[in-house]
Amino acid sequence: MTIAVTGGIGAGKSEALKAFARHGAAVLSSDEIVHRLLRDDPEVREAVVAELGPAALDGEGRIDRKAVGRLVFGNPERVAWLERLLHPRVAEAQLTWRREQAALTTPPRACVIEIPLLYEVGAEGRFDAVVVVTAPAHVRAERTPLATDDRAARLLPDEEKVARADFAFVNDGSVDELDAFVADVLDRVA
């Protein structure tokens, strides 16, 4: 059983992922895959430097994620370029991880992957179930005080995500409430 967790910026996707882990699921963050690719993949580094120039690197010659964000977000062509570079690699890393989990002597109860752009990239068909985590705007603003630049504008509205999802949770309460929701999802699907 493979479950995708998605939702808007500051909704609590990472906390939901932690809750799934507490309930026996194997978990993976797509954001962490992106960070690893930017940090460790020489082909990604080469492509980033070729497209964005040395301004995308830090003083030690490594990709500076904040600099890449400044150079890319706000420029739709560069956003599309970066997504074409990273999304296939992220999807392959997710698939490899899922295969590794399935090959374990005792596979996990479920494999849960956090994917912020799940619907936006058309990846929902790769999962047995989709969980959408939402939160009211004021709660999200408290959780994510930093500017979100144009990333939030590129996301589908929460209402559309909820309508398309198998499960939805408004994450404006306690961790215990989130845990109870996650336990219910796993009881239903795994």
N, C-alpha and C. Protein backbone atom coordinates (compact mmCIF):
# COMPACT_ATOMS: atom_id res chain seq x y z
N MET A 1 0.85 -1.17 0.00
CA MET A 1 0.00 0.00 0.00
C MET A 1 0.89 1.23 0.00
N THR A 2 0.69 2.09 -0.97
CA THR A 2 1.47 3.33 -1.05
C THR A 2 0.53 4.52 -0.99
N ILE A 3 0.82 5.43 -0.08
CA ILE A 3 -0.02 6.58 0.20
C ILE A 3 0.77 7.85 -0.09
N ALA A 4 0.15 8.79 -0.78
CA ALA A 4 0.74 10.11 -0.99
C ALA A 4 0.14 11.08 0.01
N VAL A 5 0.97 11.95 0.56
CA VAL A 5 0.52 13.04 1.42
C VAL A 5 0.84 14.33 0.70
N THR A 6 -0.18 15.16 0.53
CA THR A 6 0.02 16.43 -0.15
C THR A 6 -0.76 17.52 0.57
N GLY A 7 -0.53 18.75 0.18
CA GLY A 7 -1.20 19.89 0.78
C GLY A 7 -0.40 21.15 0.56
N GLY A 8 -0.95 22.25 0.97
CA GLY A 8 -0.32 23.55 0.75
C GLY A 8 0.83 23.83 1.70
N ILE A 9 1.50 24.93 1.46
CA ILE A 9 2.62 25.37 2.28
C ILE A 9 2.12 25.70 3.68
N GLY A 10 2.77 25.10 4.69
CA GLY A 10 2.40 25.35 6.08
C GLY A 10 1.20 24.57 6.58
N ALA A 11 0.68 23.66 5.77
CA ALA A 11 -0.51 22.89 6.19
C ALA A 11 -0.16 21.82 7.20
N GLY A 12 1.07 21.34 7.20
CA GLY A 12 1.47 20.31 8.15
C GLY A 12 1.75 18.96 7.52
N LYS A 13 2.15 18.97 6.25
CA LYS A 13 2.47 17.70 5.57
C LYS A 13 3.59 16.96 6.29
N SER A 14 4.61 17.67 6.70
CA SER A 14 5.74 17.02 7.38
C SER A 14 5.31 16.42 8.70
N GLU A 15 4.45 17.09 9.43
CA GLU A 15 3.94 16.54 10.68
C GLU A 15 3.09 15.31 10.41
N ALA A 16 2.31 15.33 9.34
CA ALA A 16 1.53 14.14 8.98
C ALA A 16 2.46 12.98 8.66
N LEU A 17 3.55 13.26 7.94
CA LEU A 17 4.51 12.21 7.61
C LEU A 17 5.10 11.61 8.89
N LYS A 18 5.42 12.45 9.87
CA LYS A 18 5.93 11.96 11.15
C LYS A 18 4.89 11.08 11.85
N ALA A 19 3.62 11.48 11.75
CA ALA A 19 2.55 10.69 12.37
C ALA A 19 2.44 9.32 11.70
N PHE A 20 2.54 9.28 10.39
CA PHE A 20 2.52 7.98 9.69
C PHE A 20 3.68 7.11 10.17
N ALA A 21 4.85 7.70 10.35
CA ALA A 21 6.00 6.93 10.82
C ALA A 21 5.74 6.40 12.23
N ARG A 22 5.13 7.21 13.09
CA ARG A 22 4.82 6.75 14.45
C ARG A 22 3.87 5.56 14.44
N HIS A 23 3.08 5.44 13.38
CA HIS A 23 2.09 4.36 13.29
C HIS A 23 2.58 3.21 12.41
N GLY A 24 3.88 3.12 12.18
CA GLY A 24 4.45 1.94 11.54
C GLY A 24 4.63 2.00 10.04
N ALA A 25 4.39 3.13 9.42
CA ALA A 25 4.60 3.26 7.98
C ALA A 25 6.05 3.66 7.70
N ALA A 26 6.55 3.24 6.57
CA ALA A 26 7.82 3.76 6.07
C ALA A 26 7.51 5.08 5.38
N VAL A 27 8.32 6.09 5.61
CA VAL A 27 8.01 7.42 5.08
C VAL A 27 9.18 7.99 4.30
N LEU A 28 8.83 8.84 3.33
CA LEU A 28 9.81 9.49 2.47
C LEU A 28 9.30 10.88 2.11
N SER A 29 10.17 11.85 2.14
CA SER A 29 9.83 13.23 1.78
C SER A 29 10.41 13.57 0.41
N SER A 30 9.56 14.01 -0.49
CA SER A 30 10.04 14.43 -1.81
C SER A 30 10.95 15.64 -1.70
N ASP A 31 10.68 16.52 -0.74
CA ASP A 31 11.56 17.67 -0.54
C ASP A 31 12.97 17.22 -0.17
N GLU A 32 13.05 16.18 0.66
CA GLU A 32 14.38 15.66 1.03
C GLU A 32 15.09 15.05 -0.18
N ILE A 33 14.33 14.43 -1.06
CA ILE A 33 14.94 13.89 -2.30
C ILE A 33 15.52 15.05 -3.12
N VAL A 34 14.75 16.12 -3.26
CA VAL A 34 15.23 17.29 -4.01
C VAL A 34 16.49 17.84 -3.37
N HIS A 35 16.48 17.96 -2.04
CA HIS A 35 17.67 18.49 -1.36
C HIS A 35 18.88 17.60 -1.63
N ARG A 36 18.66 16.29 -1.59
CA ARG A 36 19.76 15.35 -1.84
C ARG A 36 20.27 15.48 -3.29
N LEU A 37 19.34 15.60 -4.24
CA LEU A 37 19.75 15.75 -5.63
C LEU A 37 20.58 17.02 -5.82
N LEU A 38 20.13 18.10 -5.24
CA LEU A 38 20.85 19.37 -5.37
C LEU A 38 22.21 19.31 -4.69
N ARG A 39 22.29 18.55 -3.62
CA ARG A 39 23.54 18.45 -2.87
C ARG A 39 24.52 17.45 -3.47
N ASP A 40 24.01 16.30 -3.98
CA ASP A 40 24.89 15.19 -4.29
C ASP A 40 24.97 14.77 -5.76
N ASP A 41 24.05 15.16 -6.59
CA ASP A 41 24.00 14.64 -7.96
C ASP A 41 24.83 15.53 -8.88
N PRO A 42 25.95 15.00 -9.41
CA PRO A 42 26.81 15.83 -10.26
C PRO A 42 26.13 16.28 -11.55
N GLU A 43 25.24 15.46 -12.11
CA GLU A 43 24.53 15.88 -13.32
C GLU A 43 23.59 17.04 -13.03
N VAL A 44 22.94 17.02 -11.87
CA VAL A 44 22.06 18.12 -11.48
C VAL A 44 22.89 19.38 -11.28
N ARG A 45 24.03 19.26 -10.60
CA ARG A 45 24.89 20.43 -10.38
C ARG A 45 25.33 21.04 -11.72
N GLU A 46 25.77 20.17 -12.62
CA GLU A 46 26.22 20.64 -13.93
C GLU A 46 25.10 21.37 -14.67
N ALA A 47 23.90 20.81 -14.65
CA ALA A 47 22.77 21.42 -15.35
C ALA A 47 22.38 22.75 -14.72
N VAL A 48 22.40 22.81 -13.38
CA VAL A 48 22.04 24.05 -12.68
C VAL A 48 23.04 25.15 -13.02
N VAL A 49 24.31 24.83 -13.00
CA VAL A 49 25.33 25.84 -13.32
C VAL A 49 25.22 26.27 -14.78
N ALA A 50 24.95 25.33 -15.67
CA ALA A 50 24.81 25.67 -17.09
C ALA A 50 23.62 26.60 -17.32
N GLU A 51 22.55 26.37 -16.60
CA GLU A 51 21.33 27.17 -16.79
C GLU A 51 21.36 28.47 -16.00
N LEU A 52 21.81 28.42 -14.75
CA LEU A 52 21.68 29.58 -13.86
C LEU A 52 22.99 30.31 -13.61
N GLY A 53 24.10 29.69 -13.99
CA GLY A 53 25.39 30.34 -13.82
C GLY A 53 25.95 30.17 -12.42
N PRO A 54 27.13 30.74 -12.18
CA PRO A 54 27.81 30.57 -10.90
C PRO A 54 27.05 31.22 -9.73
N ALA A 55 26.10 32.08 -10.00
CA ALA A 55 25.31 32.70 -8.92
C ALA A 55 24.49 31.66 -8.17
N ALA A 56 24.35 30.45 -8.73
CA ALA A 56 23.58 29.39 -8.07
C ALA A 56 24.44 28.60 -7.08
N LEU A 57 25.72 28.94 -6.98
CA LEU A 57 26.63 28.19 -6.11
C LEU A 57 27.00 29.01 -4.88
N ASP A 58 27.35 28.27 -3.81
CA ASP A 58 27.86 28.95 -2.62
C ASP A 58 29.37 29.13 -2.75
N GLY A 59 29.99 29.64 -1.71
CA GLY A 59 31.43 29.92 -1.73
C GLY A 59 32.30 28.69 -1.87
N GLU A 60 31.72 27.51 -1.63
CA GLU A 60 32.49 26.27 -1.73
C GLU A 60 32.16 25.50 -3.01
N GLY A 61 31.41 26.13 -3.93
CA GLY A 61 31.11 25.49 -5.20
C GLY A 61 29.95 24.51 -5.17
N ARG A 62 29.20 24.51 -4.08
CA ARG A 62 28.01 23.64 -3.99
C ARG A 62 26.77 24.45 -4.37
N ILE A 63 25.73 23.74 -4.79
CA ILE A 63 24.49 24.43 -5.12
C ILE A 63 23.92 25.06 -3.85
N ASP A 64 23.59 26.33 -3.95
CA ASP A 64 22.98 27.09 -2.87
C ASP A 64 21.47 27.12 -3.14
N ARG A 65 20.70 26.36 -2.36
CA ARG A 65 19.26 26.24 -2.62
C ARG A 65 18.55 27.59 -2.55
N LYS A 66 18.95 28.42 -1.63
CA LYS A 66 18.30 29.75 -1.52
C LYS A 66 18.60 30.58 -2.76
N ALA A 67 19.82 30.52 -3.24
CA ALA A 67 20.17 31.26 -4.45
C ALA A 67 19.39 30.72 -5.64
N VAL A 68 19.27 29.41 -5.73
CA VAL A 68 18.48 28.82 -6.83
C VAL A 68 17.05 29.32 -6.74
N GLY A 69 16.49 29.34 -5.54
CA GLY A 69 15.13 29.85 -5.36
C GLY A 69 14.98 31.28 -5.85
N ARG A 70 15.94 32.13 -5.49
CA ARG A 70 15.88 33.53 -5.94
C ARG A 70 15.99 33.64 -7.46
N LEU A 71 16.80 32.78 -8.06
CA LEU A 71 17.02 32.82 -9.50
C LEU A 71 15.87 32.21 -10.30
N VAL A 72 15.12 31.31 -9.68
CA VAL A 72 14.11 30.54 -10.40
C VAL A 72 12.70 31.03 -10.15
N PHE A 73 12.30 31.13 -8.88
CA PHE A 73 10.92 31.48 -8.58
C PHE A 73 10.65 32.91 -9.00
N GLY A 74 9.51 33.10 -9.63
CA GLY A 74 9.16 34.38 -10.23
C GLY A 74 9.42 34.39 -11.72
N ASN A 75 10.09 33.35 -12.23
CA ASN A 75 10.37 33.22 -13.65
C ASN A 75 9.78 31.89 -14.13
N PRO A 76 8.59 31.92 -14.73
CA PRO A 76 7.92 30.67 -15.10
C PRO A 76 8.75 29.74 -15.99
N GLU A 77 9.54 30.30 -16.89
CA GLU A 77 10.35 29.45 -17.76
C GLU A 77 11.42 28.70 -16.95
N ARG A 78 12.03 29.40 -16.00
CA ARG A 78 13.05 28.75 -15.18
C ARG A 78 12.43 27.73 -14.22
N VAL A 79 11.25 28.05 -13.70
CA VAL A 79 10.55 27.08 -12.84
C VAL A 79 10.29 25.81 -13.64
N ALA A 80 9.77 25.97 -14.86
CA ALA A 80 9.48 24.80 -15.70
C ALA A 80 10.77 24.03 -16.01
N TRP A 81 11.85 24.74 -16.28
CA TRP A 81 13.13 24.08 -16.54
C TRP A 81 13.58 23.26 -15.32
N LEU A 82 13.52 23.87 -14.13
CA LEU A 82 13.95 23.18 -12.92
C LEU A 82 13.08 21.96 -12.64
N GLU A 83 11.80 22.08 -12.87
CA GLU A 83 10.90 20.94 -12.68
C GLU A 83 11.21 19.82 -13.68
N ARG A 84 11.51 20.18 -14.92
CA ARG A 84 11.88 19.15 -15.91
C ARG A 84 13.17 18.44 -15.51
N LEU A 85 14.07 19.17 -14.88
CA LEU A 85 15.33 18.59 -14.42
C LEU A 85 15.11 17.66 -13.21
N LEU A 86 14.33 18.11 -12.25
CA LEU A 86 14.24 17.40 -10.99
C LEU A 86 13.12 16.36 -10.90
N HIS A 87 11.95 16.66 -11.43
CA HIS A 87 10.80 15.77 -11.22
C HIS A 87 11.02 14.33 -11.69
N PRO A 88 11.60 14.10 -12.86
CA PRO A 88 11.84 12.69 -13.24
C PRO A 88 12.80 11.98 -12.28
N ARG A 89 13.79 12.70 -11.79
CA ARG A 89 14.74 12.11 -10.85
C ARG A 89 14.07 11.82 -9.50
N VAL A 90 13.19 12.72 -9.09
CA VAL A 90 12.46 12.50 -7.84
C VAL A 90 11.55 11.28 -7.98
N ALA A 91 10.84 11.19 -9.09
CA ALA A 91 9.94 10.05 -9.32
C ALA A 91 10.72 8.74 -9.33
N GLU A 92 11.89 8.73 -9.94
CA GLU A 92 12.71 7.52 -9.98
C GLU A 92 13.20 7.16 -8.58
N ALA A 93 13.60 8.15 -7.79
CA ALA A 93 14.05 7.88 -6.42
C ALA A 93 12.90 7.33 -5.58
N GLN A 94 11.70 7.85 -5.78
CA GLN A 94 10.54 7.33 -5.05
C GLN A 94 10.28 5.87 -5.42
N LEU A 95 10.34 5.56 -6.70
CA LEU A 95 10.10 4.20 -7.16
C LEU A 95 11.15 3.24 -6.62
N THR A 96 12.39 3.65 -6.65
CA THR A 96 13.48 2.82 -6.11
C THR A 96 13.25 2.55 -4.63
N TRP A 97 12.88 3.58 -3.88
CA TRP A 97 12.62 3.44 -2.45
C TRP A 97 11.45 2.48 -2.21
N ARG A 98 10.39 2.63 -2.98
CA ARG A 98 9.24 1.74 -2.83
C ARG A 98 9.64 0.28 -3.09
N ARG A 99 10.45 0.05 -4.11
CA ARG A 99 10.93 -1.31 -4.40
C ARG A 99 11.77 -1.85 -3.25
N GLU A 100 12.63 -1.00 -2.70
CA GLU A 100 13.45 -1.43 -1.56
C GLU A 100 12.57 -1.81 -0.37
N GLN A 101 11.54 -1.02 -0.11
CA GLN A 101 10.64 -1.32 1.00
C GLN A 101 9.90 -2.64 0.77
N ALA A 102 9.44 -2.86 -0.45
CA ALA A 102 8.71 -4.09 -0.78
C ALA A 102 9.60 -5.32 -0.67
N ALA A 103 10.90 -5.15 -0.88
CA ALA A 103 11.83 -6.28 -0.86
C ALA A 103 12.28 -6.66 0.55
N LEU A 104 11.94 -5.86 1.55
CA LEU A 104 12.34 -6.17 2.91
C LEU A 104 11.71 -7.48 3.37
N THR A 105 12.40 -8.19 4.22
CA THR A 105 11.87 -9.44 4.78
C THR A 105 10.52 -9.19 5.44
N THR A 106 10.42 -8.10 6.18
CA THR A 106 9.16 -7.67 6.78
C THR A 106 8.84 -6.28 6.24
N PRO A 107 8.09 -6.21 5.15
CA PRO A 107 7.77 -4.90 4.57
C PRO A 107 6.95 -4.05 5.55
N PRO A 108 7.03 -2.75 5.41
CA PRO A 108 6.27 -1.87 6.30
C PRO A 108 4.77 -2.00 6.05
N ARG A 109 4.01 -1.56 7.01
CA ARG A 109 2.55 -1.55 6.92
C ARG A 109 2.09 -0.79 5.68
N ALA A 110 2.74 0.31 5.41
CA ALA A 110 2.45 1.13 4.23
C ALA A 110 3.67 1.97 3.93
N CYS A 111 3.79 2.39 2.68
CA CYS A 111 4.81 3.35 2.26
C CYS A 111 4.10 4.68 2.04
N VAL A 112 4.59 5.71 2.69
CA VAL A 112 3.94 7.02 2.63
C VAL A 112 4.96 8.03 2.12
N ILE A 113 4.59 8.74 1.07
CA ILE A 113 5.50 9.72 0.47
C ILE A 113 4.83 11.09 0.47
N GLU A 114 5.53 12.06 1.02
CA GLU A 114 5.08 13.45 1.01
C GLU A 114 5.44 14.05 -0.35
N ILE A 115 4.40 14.55 -1.05
CA ILE A 115 4.62 15.13 -2.38
C ILE A 115 3.83 16.44 -2.47
N PRO A 116 4.48 17.58 -2.25
CA PRO A 116 3.76 18.84 -2.27
C PRO A 116 3.03 19.12 -3.59
N LEU A 117 3.62 18.74 -4.72
CA LEU A 117 3.03 19.04 -6.04
C LEU A 117 2.37 17.81 -6.67
N LEU A 118 1.80 16.95 -5.87
CA LEU A 118 1.24 15.70 -6.36
C LEU A 118 0.27 15.90 -7.53
N TYR A 119 -0.76 16.68 -7.32
CA TYR A 119 -1.76 16.89 -8.38
C TYR A 119 -1.22 17.76 -9.51
N GLU A 120 -0.38 18.71 -9.13
CA GLU A 120 0.15 19.64 -10.12
C GLU A 120 1.01 18.94 -11.16
N VAL A 121 1.67 17.83 -10.76
CA VAL A 121 2.51 17.09 -11.71
C VAL A 121 1.84 15.82 -12.22
N GLY A 122 0.59 15.60 -11.81
CA GLY A 122 -0.16 14.44 -12.30
C GLY A 122 0.33 13.12 -11.77
N ALA A 123 0.84 13.10 -10.54
CA ALA A 123 1.42 11.88 -9.98
C ALA A 123 0.45 11.06 -9.14
N GLU A 124 -0.77 11.51 -8.97
CA GLU A 124 -1.68 10.81 -8.06
C GLU A 124 -1.96 9.37 -8.48
N GLY A 125 -1.87 9.06 -9.77
CA GLY A 125 -2.12 7.71 -10.26
C GLY A 125 -1.08 6.69 -9.83
N ARG A 126 0.03 7.15 -9.30
CA ARG A 126 1.09 6.23 -8.84
C ARG A 126 0.87 5.74 -7.41
N PHE A 127 -0.27 6.12 -6.81
CA PHE A 127 -0.52 5.82 -5.40
C PHE A 127 -1.85 5.11 -5.21
N ASP A 128 -1.90 4.28 -4.17
CA ASP A 128 -3.12 3.57 -3.83
C ASP A 128 -4.13 4.49 -3.14
N ALA A 129 -3.64 5.48 -2.42
CA ALA A 129 -4.50 6.43 -1.71
C ALA A 129 -3.79 7.77 -1.61
N VAL A 130 -4.59 8.84 -1.54
CA VAL A 130 -4.05 10.19 -1.39
C VAL A 130 -4.66 10.83 -0.15
N VAL A 131 -3.79 11.42 0.67
CA VAL A 131 -4.20 12.17 1.85
C VAL A 131 -3.84 13.63 1.60
N VAL A 132 -4.82 14.51 1.78
CA VAL A 132 -4.58 15.94 1.67
C VAL A 132 -4.65 16.54 3.07
N VAL A 133 -3.63 17.31 3.42
CA VAL A 133 -3.59 18.00 4.69
C VAL A 133 -3.78 19.49 4.40
N THR A 134 -4.76 20.08 5.06
CA THR A 134 -5.03 21.50 4.89
C THR A 134 -4.96 22.18 6.25
N ALA A 135 -4.98 23.50 6.24
CA ALA A 135 -5.06 24.29 7.46
C ALA A 135 -5.56 25.68 7.06
N PRO A 136 -6.28 26.35 7.95
CA PRO A 136 -6.72 27.72 7.66
C PRO A 136 -5.53 28.64 7.39
N ALA A 137 -5.77 29.67 6.62
CA ALA A 137 -4.68 30.58 6.22
C ALA A 137 -3.94 31.15 7.42
N HIS A 138 -4.64 31.53 8.48
CA HIS A 138 -3.95 32.14 9.63
C HIS A 138 -3.04 31.12 10.34
N VAL A 139 -3.44 29.86 10.36
CA VAL A 139 -2.60 28.82 10.97
C VAL A 139 -1.36 28.59 10.11
N ARG A 140 -1.56 28.55 8.79
CA ARG A 140 -0.42 28.35 7.89
C ARG A 140 0.57 29.50 8.00
N ALA A 141 0.05 30.73 8.11
CA ALA A 141 0.93 31.90 8.22
C ALA A 141 1.75 31.83 9.51
N GLU A 142 1.15 31.32 10.60
CA GLU A 142 1.90 31.19 11.85
C GLU A 142 3.00 30.13 11.72
N ARG A 143 2.73 29.08 10.97
CA ARG A 143 3.70 27.99 10.83
C ARG A 143 4.81 28.34 9.86
N THR A 144 4.52 29.15 8.87
CA THR A 144 5.48 29.47 7.82
C THR A 144 5.60 30.99 7.73
N PRO A 145 6.35 31.60 8.66
CA PRO A 145 6.44 33.06 8.67
C PRO A 145 7.21 33.64 7.50
N LEU A 146 8.02 32.81 6.82
CA LEU A 146 8.80 33.32 5.70
C LEU A 146 7.92 33.52 4.48
N ALA A 147 8.30 34.44 3.64
CA ALA A 147 7.56 34.67 2.40
C ALA A 147 7.58 33.39 1.57
N THR A 148 6.47 33.11 0.92
CA THR A 148 6.38 31.88 0.12
C THR A 148 6.53 32.19 -1.36
N ASP A 149 6.96 33.39 -1.71
CA ASP A 149 7.10 33.86 -3.08
C ASP A 149 5.95 33.35 -3.94
N ASP A 150 6.20 32.90 -5.14
CA ASP A 150 5.08 32.53 -6.01
C ASP A 150 4.73 31.05 -5.94
N ARG A 151 5.38 30.32 -5.05
CA ARG A 151 5.12 28.88 -4.98
C ARG A 151 3.67 28.58 -4.63
N ALA A 152 3.12 29.29 -3.67
CA ALA A 152 1.73 29.02 -3.27
C ALA A 152 0.77 29.28 -4.41
N ALA A 153 1.04 30.27 -5.24
CA ALA A 153 0.15 30.59 -6.36
C ALA A 153 0.14 29.48 -7.40
N ARG A 154 1.19 28.66 -7.46
CA ARG A 154 1.26 27.58 -8.44
C ARG A 154 0.51 26.33 -7.98
N LEU A 155 0.10 26.28 -6.71
CA LEU A 155 -0.57 25.11 -6.18
C LEU A 155 -2.07 25.16 -6.46
N LEU A 156 -2.65 23.98 -6.64
CA LEU A 156 -4.10 23.91 -6.78
C LEU A 156 -4.73 24.36 -5.47
N PRO A 157 -5.92 24.94 -5.53
CA PRO A 157 -6.61 25.32 -4.28
C PRO A 157 -6.91 24.10 -3.42
N ASP A 158 -6.90 24.29 -2.12
CA ASP A 158 -7.18 23.20 -1.19
C ASP A 158 -8.50 22.51 -1.51
N GLU A 159 -9.50 23.27 -1.88
CA GLU A 159 -10.82 22.70 -2.15
C GLU A 159 -10.74 21.64 -3.26
N GLU A 160 -9.97 21.95 -4.30
CA GLU A 160 -9.84 20.99 -5.41
C GLU A 160 -9.06 19.75 -4.96
N LYS A 161 -8.02 19.96 -4.18
CA LYS A 161 -7.25 18.82 -3.68
C LYS A 161 -8.12 17.92 -2.81
N VAL A 162 -8.89 18.52 -1.92
CA VAL A 162 -9.75 17.75 -1.03
C VAL A 162 -10.78 16.96 -1.84
N ALA A 163 -11.33 17.58 -2.87
CA ALA A 163 -12.33 16.90 -3.70
C ALA A 163 -11.74 15.70 -4.43
N ARG A 164 -10.47 15.75 -4.74
CA ARG A 164 -9.83 14.67 -5.50
C ARG A 164 -9.21 13.60 -4.60
N ALA A 165 -9.03 13.90 -3.32
CA ALA A 165 -8.32 13.02 -2.40
C ALA A 165 -9.22 11.90 -1.87
N ASP A 166 -8.55 10.85 -1.38
CA ASP A 166 -9.26 9.77 -0.69
C ASP A 166 -9.54 10.13 0.76
N PHE A 167 -8.63 10.91 1.36
CA PHE A 167 -8.75 11.32 2.76
C PHE A 167 -8.28 12.77 2.87
N ALA A 168 -8.91 13.53 3.77
CA ALA A 168 -8.50 14.92 3.99
C ALA A 168 -8.55 15.22 5.48
N PHE A 169 -7.63 16.06 5.91
CA PHE A 169 -7.55 16.42 7.32
C PHE A 169 -7.26 17.90 7.42
N VAL A 170 -8.07 18.61 8.23
CA VAL A 170 -7.82 20.02 8.53
C VAL A 170 -6.92 20.04 9.76
N ASN A 171 -5.69 20.41 9.56
CA ASN A 171 -4.65 20.32 10.58
C ASN A 171 -4.54 21.62 11.36
N ASP A 172 -5.55 21.86 12.18
CA ASP A 172 -5.54 23.08 13.00
C ASP A 172 -5.69 22.78 14.48
N GLY A 173 -5.47 21.51 14.84
CA GLY A 173 -5.62 21.10 16.23
C GLY A 173 -4.34 20.53 16.79
N SER A 174 -4.50 19.49 17.60
CA SER A 174 -3.37 18.92 18.32
C SER A 174 -2.71 17.79 17.53
N VAL A 175 -1.51 17.43 17.96
CA VAL A 175 -0.81 16.29 17.38
C VAL A 175 -1.61 15.02 17.63
N ASP A 176 -2.27 14.93 18.78
CA ASP A 176 -3.10 13.75 19.07
C ASP A 176 -4.22 13.60 18.05
N GLU A 177 -4.83 14.70 17.63
CA GLU A 177 -5.88 14.64 16.61
C GLU A 177 -5.31 14.17 15.28
N LEU A 178 -4.14 14.68 14.92
CA LEU A 178 -3.48 14.24 13.69
C LEU A 178 -3.15 12.75 13.77
N ASP A 179 -2.62 12.32 14.91
CA ASP A 179 -2.31 10.90 15.09
C ASP A 179 -3.56 10.03 14.94
N ALA A 180 -4.66 10.47 15.51
CA ALA A 180 -5.91 9.69 15.41
C ALA A 180 -6.36 9.59 13.96
N PHE A 181 -6.25 10.68 13.23
CA PHE A 181 -6.61 10.66 11.81
C PHE A 181 -5.74 9.68 11.04
N VAL A 182 -4.43 9.76 11.26
CA VAL A 182 -3.49 8.88 10.55
C VAL A 182 -3.76 7.43 10.90
N ALA A 183 -3.99 7.13 12.17
CA ALA A 183 -4.28 5.76 12.58
C ALA A 183 -5.52 5.25 11.86
N ASP A 184 -6.55 6.09 11.72
CA ASP A 184 -7.78 5.71 11.03
C ASP A 184 -7.51 5.42 9.55
N VAL A 185 -6.72 6.29 8.91
CA VAL A 185 -6.38 6.08 7.49
C VAL A 185 -5.69 4.74 7.34
N LEU A 186 -4.70 4.47 8.16
CA LEU A 186 -3.96 3.21 8.04
C LEU A 186 -4.86 2.01 8.33
N ASP A 187 -5.74 2.13 9.29
CA ASP A 187 -6.67 1.03 9.57
C ASP A 187 -7.58 0.75 8.38
N ARG A 188 -7.92 1.77 7.64
CA ARG A 188 -8.82 1.59 6.50
C ARG A 188 -8.12 1.03 5.27
N VAL A 189 -6.85 1.38 5.09
CA VAL A 189 -6.21 1.02 3.82
C VAL A 189 -5.09 0.00 3.93
N ALA A 190 -4.50 -0.16 5.10
CA ALA A 190 -3.32 -1.04 5.18
C ALA A 190 -3.60 -2.26 6.02
